[in-house]
Amino acid sequence: MEIRRLYLVVEETREEGGRALDKPLKRVAAAAVVRNPFAGQYVEDLTPLVDFGEQLGKLLGERAVAALDGDAPESFGKAAIVGMDGEREHAAALLHPKLGAPLRAAVSGGKAIIPSAKKMGGPGTSIDIPLHFKDAMFVRSHFDAMELRIPDAPRADEIVVAVAVTNGGRPHARVGGLQKEEVKGEDGLR
């Protein structure tokens, strides 16, 4: 499968709500613009996309974590935008069966389910990559999203595949719930 372009977006928040953060929050999205070999046709067997998802999980996961510059990843998520000649099922084939394992390896853990989003659209379509704490999805301070938009993608025969990681939760989180220090990390929930 072909990758036309790779993107890396690093957002660093130093202040929010008029208050400085003790440590800057880094949110990173790594994305690949890939050619969709099944654009414009119905194909029953999506195995090539499933297998390529594994390669993308490794590539994008490692790139995103490296952009945290040594900070430990705390949250993760994944998303895809399918060009108009494809199907949302093409995104599902890339994101779900095999992309997760190498992403979990890149973040050194990840017992929680990896939140995901998928949609169809043309060049410049934005998507919010959902995020939550990698080892326990009930850590409310880490419920978040990172927006991604690539001006010239996806073309009708392309798919944008993205992963996002962070080095912390929302700035000044204060809505209660399970704290990351309380996580048992046994079942991906708590």
Protein backbone atom coordinates (compact mmCIF):
# COMPACT_ATOMS: atom_id res chain seq x y z
CA MET A 1 0.00 0.00 0.00
CA GLU A 2 1.15 3.52 -0.75
CA ILE A 3 1.67 6.39 1.67
CA ARG A 4 1.47 9.74 -0.13
CA ARG A 5 2.21 11.95 2.83
CA LEU A 6 3.00 11.81 6.54
CA TYR A 7 1.90 14.51 8.98
CA LEU A 8 3.00 15.26 12.52
CA VAL A 9 1.19 17.90 14.56
CA VAL A 10 2.49 18.90 17.98
CA GLU A 11 0.39 21.17 20.17
CA GLU A 12 1.86 22.44 23.43
CA THR A 13 -0.39 24.20 25.94
CA ARG A 14 1.39 26.29 28.56
CA GLU A 15 -1.54 28.29 29.93
CA GLU A 16 -5.29 27.82 30.03
CA GLY A 17 -8.05 29.75 31.77
CA GLY A 18 -5.57 32.48 32.63
CA ARG A 19 -3.46 30.08 34.70
CA ALA A 20 -0.08 28.64 33.82
CA LEU A 21 0.29 24.87 33.78
CA ASP A 22 2.87 23.28 36.08
CA LYS A 23 4.04 21.24 33.09
CA PRO A 24 3.15 21.99 29.45
CA LEU A 25 0.52 19.65 28.01
CA LYS A 26 1.65 18.11 24.74
CA ARG A 27 -0.91 16.64 22.36
CA VAL A 28 0.54 14.98 19.26
CA ALA A 29 -1.19 13.62 16.17
CA ALA A 30 0.68 11.51 13.63
CA ALA A 31 -1.15 10.83 10.36
CA ALA A 32 -0.63 9.08 7.06
CA VAL A 33 -2.41 9.83 3.80
CA VAL A 34 -2.71 6.45 2.10
CA ARG A 35 -4.07 5.33 -1.24
CA ASN A 36 -7.25 3.30 -0.90
CA PRO A 37 -6.84 0.22 -3.15
CA PHE A 38 -10.59 -0.46 -2.90
CA ALA A 39 -11.85 3.02 -3.81
CA GLY A 40 -14.73 2.91 -6.27
CA GLN A 41 -15.48 -0.79 -5.84
CA TYR A 42 -17.03 -3.19 -3.36
CA VAL A 43 -14.56 -5.84 -2.17
CA GLU A 44 -15.51 -8.53 0.33
CA ASP A 45 -12.02 -9.32 1.64
CA LEU A 46 -10.39 -6.29 3.28
CA THR A 47 -7.34 -8.21 4.55
CA PRO A 48 -4.82 -5.92 2.79
CA LEU A 49 -6.21 -2.94 4.75
CA VAL A 50 -6.27 -4.92 8.01
CA ASP A 51 -2.61 -5.92 7.55
CA PHE A 52 -1.57 -2.41 6.58
CA GLY A 53 -3.27 -1.10 9.73
CA GLU A 54 -0.70 -3.00 11.76
CA GLN A 55 2.16 -1.30 9.92
CA LEU A 56 0.50 2.10 10.35
CA GLY A 57 -0.01 1.48 14.08
CA LYS A 58 3.72 0.95 14.50
CA LEU A 59 4.82 3.81 12.24
CA LEU A 60 2.37 6.41 13.53
CA GLY A 61 2.52 5.30 17.16
CA GLU A 62 6.32 5.52 17.26
CA ARG A 63 6.34 8.91 15.50
CA ALA A 64 3.73 10.34 17.87
CA VAL A 65 5.44 9.08 21.03
CA ALA A 66 8.83 10.34 19.83
CA ALA A 67 7.33 13.82 19.41
CA LEU A 68 6.54 13.88 23.14
CA ASP A 69 10.31 14.42 23.57
CA GLY A 70 10.82 11.91 26.36
CA ASP A 71 7.57 12.54 28.22
CA ALA A 72 5.61 9.39 29.03
CA PRO A 73 2.44 8.99 26.97
CA GLU A 74 -0.75 9.04 29.06
CA SER A 75 -3.63 9.23 26.56
CA PHE A 76 -4.23 7.79 23.14
CA GLY A 77 -6.78 7.65 20.35
CA LYS A 78 -7.16 6.88 16.64
CA ALA A 79 -9.22 8.13 13.71
CA ALA A 80 -9.62 7.93 9.94
CA ILE A 81 -11.22 9.95 7.17
CA VAL A 82 -12.17 8.01 4.04
CA GLY A 83 -12.29 9.78 0.67
CA MET A 84 -15.64 9.82 -1.10
CA ASP A 85 -14.91 6.82 -3.36
CA GLY A 86 -14.34 4.59 -0.33
CA GLU A 87 -16.40 3.22 2.56
CA ARG A 88 -16.31 3.73 6.31
CA GLU A 89 -15.64 -0.01 6.48
CA HIS A 90 -12.27 0.68 4.85
CA ALA A 91 -11.43 2.92 7.82
CA ALA A 92 -12.63 0.21 10.22
CA ALA A 93 -10.37 -2.35 8.53
CA LEU A 94 -7.34 -0.09 9.02
CA LEU A 95 -8.16 0.99 12.58
CA HIS A 96 -9.60 -1.96 14.44
CA PRO A 97 -8.24 -5.49 13.91
CA LYS A 98 -4.47 -4.87 14.04
CA LEU A 99 -3.52 -1.18 14.48
CA GLY A 100 -4.00 -1.32 18.27
CA ALA A 101 -1.25 -3.76 19.29
CA PRO A 102 1.66 -1.77 17.85
CA LEU A 103 0.15 1.49 19.15
CA ARG A 104 -0.06 -0.04 22.63
CA ALA A 105 3.58 -1.12 22.32
CA ALA A 106 4.57 2.42 21.34
CA VAL A 107 2.85 3.90 24.42
CA SER A 108 4.29 1.17 26.70
CA GLY A 109 0.98 -0.19 27.90
CA GLY A 110 -2.53 0.69 26.96
CA LYS A 111 -4.92 -1.72 28.68
CA ALA A 112 -7.90 0.53 27.92
CA ILE A 113 -9.81 0.36 24.67
CA ILE A 114 -8.41 2.83 22.14
CA PRO A 115 -11.14 5.36 21.39
CA SER A 116 -11.75 5.91 17.69
CA ALA A 117 -13.63 7.97 15.15
CA LYS A 118 -14.19 7.56 11.44
CA LYS A 119 -15.97 9.54 8.78
CA MET A 120 -16.08 10.19 5.07
CA GLY A 121 -15.07 13.47 3.46
CA GLY A 122 -12.97 15.29 0.94
CA PRO A 123 -9.79 17.34 1.12
CA GLY A 124 -9.67 19.52 4.20
CA THR A 125 -12.25 17.54 6.18
CA SER A 126 -11.47 17.76 9.88
CA ILE A 127 -11.84 15.00 12.43
CA ASP A 128 -11.66 15.00 16.21
CA ILE A 129 -9.44 12.18 17.43
CA PRO A 130 -10.95 11.05 20.75
CA LEU A 131 -8.57 10.61 23.65
CA HIS A 132 -8.60 8.95 27.04
CA PHE A 133 -6.16 7.55 29.58
CA LYS A 134 -4.33 4.59 28.07
CA ASP A 135 -4.62 2.17 30.99
CA ALA A 136 -8.07 2.95 32.44
CA MET A 137 -10.82 4.55 30.43
CA PHE A 138 -12.67 5.95 33.47
CA VAL A 139 -10.02 8.56 34.26
CA ARG A 140 -12.19 11.62 33.54
CA SER A 141 -9.30 14.10 33.55
CA HIS A 142 -8.11 12.55 30.28
CA PHE A 143 -11.42 12.60 28.35
CA ASP A 144 -10.47 14.87 25.46
CA ALA A 145 -9.99 15.11 21.70
CA MET A 146 -7.49 16.55 19.26
CA GLU A 147 -8.65 18.03 15.98
CA LEU A 148 -6.82 17.15 12.78
CA ARG A 149 -7.28 18.56 9.29
CA ILE A 150 -5.07 18.02 6.27
CA PRO A 151 -5.73 20.66 3.60
CA ASP A 152 -5.33 18.44 0.53
CA ALA A 153 -6.49 15.09 1.89
CA PRO A 154 -8.17 12.77 1.61
CA ARG A 155 -8.62 12.73 -2.13
CA ALA A 156 -11.50 10.56 -3.37
CA ASP A 157 -9.22 7.50 -3.53
CA GLU A 158 -7.38 8.07 -0.24
CA ILE A 159 -7.74 7.51 3.49
CA VAL A 160 -6.24 9.68 6.23
CA VAL A 161 -5.26 7.48 9.18
CA ALA A 162 -4.22 9.15 12.43
CA VAL A 163 -3.24 8.38 15.99
CA ALA A 164 -2.92 10.87 18.83
CA VAL A 165 -1.10 10.74 22.16
CA THR A 166 -0.70 13.15 25.06
CA ASN A 167 1.60 13.56 28.02
CA GLY A 168 -1.27 14.41 30.39
CA GLY A 169 -4.93 15.11 30.86
CA ARG A 170 -6.92 18.30 30.29
CA PRO A 171 -5.36 21.43 31.79
CA HIS A 172 -6.60 22.13 35.33
CA ALA A 173 -8.99 19.13 35.27
CA ARG A 174 -11.43 19.37 38.16
CA VAL A 175 -14.60 17.42 37.42
CA GLY A 176 -13.82 14.51 39.73
CA GLY A 177 -13.80 10.83 38.95
CA LEU A 178 -11.04 8.26 39.06
CA GLN A 179 -7.59 9.85 39.36
CA LYS A 180 -4.69 8.45 37.35
CA GLU A 181 -2.81 7.75 40.62
CA GLU A 182 -5.71 5.46 41.66
CA VAL A 183 -5.64 3.31 38.52
CA LYS A 184 -5.21 -0.41 39.11
CA GLY A 185 -4.63 -1.09 35.40
CA GLU A 186 -6.10 -4.59 35.49
CA ASP A 187 -9.08 -4.47 33.16
CA GLY A 188 -8.72 -1.27 31.12
CA LEU A 189 -11.61 0.34 32.99
CA ARG A 190 -10.28 1.26 36.41
